[in-house]
Protein backbone atom coordinates (compact mmCIF):
# COMPACT_ATOMS: atom_id res chain seq x y z
CA GLU A 1 9.39 0.74 74.20
CA GLY A 2 8.89 3.77 72.03
CA ASN A 3 11.33 5.72 69.91
CA GLU A 4 11.76 8.51 72.45
CA PRO A 5 13.57 7.88 75.75
CA GLY A 6 11.05 7.26 78.48
CA ASP A 7 8.26 6.56 76.00
CA SER A 8 6.87 3.15 76.90
CA ALA A 9 3.60 1.34 77.57
CA LYS A 10 2.60 -1.85 79.32
CA ILE A 11 -0.16 -4.19 78.22
CA THR A 12 -1.30 -7.50 79.62
CA TYR A 13 -1.83 -10.59 77.51
CA ASN A 14 -5.57 -10.32 78.20
CA GLU A 15 -5.68 -6.71 76.98
CA LEU A 16 -3.70 -7.66 73.89
CA LEU A 17 -6.04 -10.58 73.14
CA ARG A 18 -9.07 -8.30 73.48
CA LYS A 19 -7.58 -5.71 71.09
CA VAL A 20 -6.55 -8.40 68.57
CA CYS A 21 -10.01 -10.03 68.59
CA GLN A 22 -11.68 -6.63 68.25
CA PHE A 23 -9.51 -5.68 65.28
CA ALA A 24 -9.94 -9.12 63.68
CA ASN A 25 -13.68 -8.45 63.73
CA VAL A 26 -13.08 -5.07 62.04
CA LEU A 27 -11.06 -6.80 59.32
CA ARG A 28 -13.81 -9.38 58.83
CA SER A 29 -16.40 -6.60 58.55
CA GLN A 30 -14.27 -5.09 55.74
CA GLY A 31 -14.44 -8.39 53.86
CA VAL A 32 -10.97 -9.73 54.73
CA LYS A 33 -10.95 -13.52 54.89
CA LYS A 34 -8.51 -16.41 55.10
CA GLY A 35 -5.90 -16.24 52.35
CA ASP A 36 -6.39 -12.54 51.58
CA ARG A 37 -3.33 -10.30 51.55
CA VAL A 38 -3.11 -7.21 53.74
CA SER A 39 -0.37 -4.56 53.70
CA ILE A 40 0.39 -2.77 56.95
CA TYR A 41 2.05 0.66 56.68
CA MET A 42 2.75 1.83 60.25
CA PRO A 43 5.59 2.89 62.50
CA MET A 44 6.70 0.67 65.39
CA ILE A 45 3.64 1.17 67.61
CA LEU A 46 1.34 -1.16 69.53
CA GLU A 47 -1.31 -0.95 66.80
CA LEU A 48 1.16 -2.52 64.35
CA VAL A 49 1.42 -5.60 66.55
CA VAL A 50 -2.36 -5.73 67.00
CA ALA A 51 -2.94 -5.49 63.23
CA MET A 52 -0.34 -8.17 62.50
CA LEU A 53 -1.79 -10.59 65.08
CA ALA A 54 -5.37 -9.87 63.92
CA CYS A 55 -4.40 -10.82 60.37
CA ALA A 56 -2.80 -14.01 61.62
CA ARG A 57 -5.86 -14.77 63.73
CA ILE A 58 -8.21 -14.80 60.72
CA GLY A 59 -5.68 -16.42 58.38
CA ALA A 60 -4.93 -13.39 56.23
CA LEU A 61 -1.38 -12.94 54.99
CA HIS A 62 0.25 -9.67 56.02
CA SER A 63 3.10 -7.66 54.60
CA ILE A 64 4.62 -5.02 56.87
CA VAL A 65 5.99 -1.88 55.22
CA PHE A 66 7.56 0.44 57.76
CA ALA A 67 6.32 4.02 57.72
CA GLY A 68 9.69 5.46 56.72
CA PHE A 69 9.34 4.15 53.14
CA SER A 70 8.27 6.48 50.33
CA ALA A 71 4.91 6.35 48.59
CA ASP A 72 6.54 4.81 45.51
CA SER A 73 8.14 2.05 47.57
CA LEU A 74 4.81 1.37 49.27
CA CYS A 75 3.06 1.23 45.88
CA GLU A 76 5.57 -1.29 44.54
CA ARG A 77 5.14 -3.54 47.57
CA ILE A 78 1.34 -3.36 47.35
CA LEU A 79 1.43 -4.35 43.68
CA ASP A 80 4.00 -7.10 44.26
CA CYS A 81 1.99 -8.84 46.96
CA GLY A 82 -1.43 -8.15 45.41
CA CYS A 83 -2.95 -6.96 48.66
CA SER A 84 -6.66 -6.35 49.05
CA LEU A 85 -6.39 -3.92 51.98
CA LEU A 86 -3.89 -1.33 53.21
CA LEU A 87 -3.78 -0.52 56.92
CA THR A 88 -2.22 2.81 57.93
């Protein structure tokens, strides 16, 4: 369900698995490996779920910062968790 009334999407488990595996491969190609920290700065969209599950799939720790936060708040969270990659 999206933020706007009537804004919704449906996805099957198989489609979700395909997207998660594909994005996990993108993360690996960027050098992300098990134990690395990744910050995710996105609104509540399907890609947020895919990114979160892709991190979990390869064993990377993820920290979700919702898109409504300011740049200073995002910076503090990035420094606190010591992330190696920011997904937007």
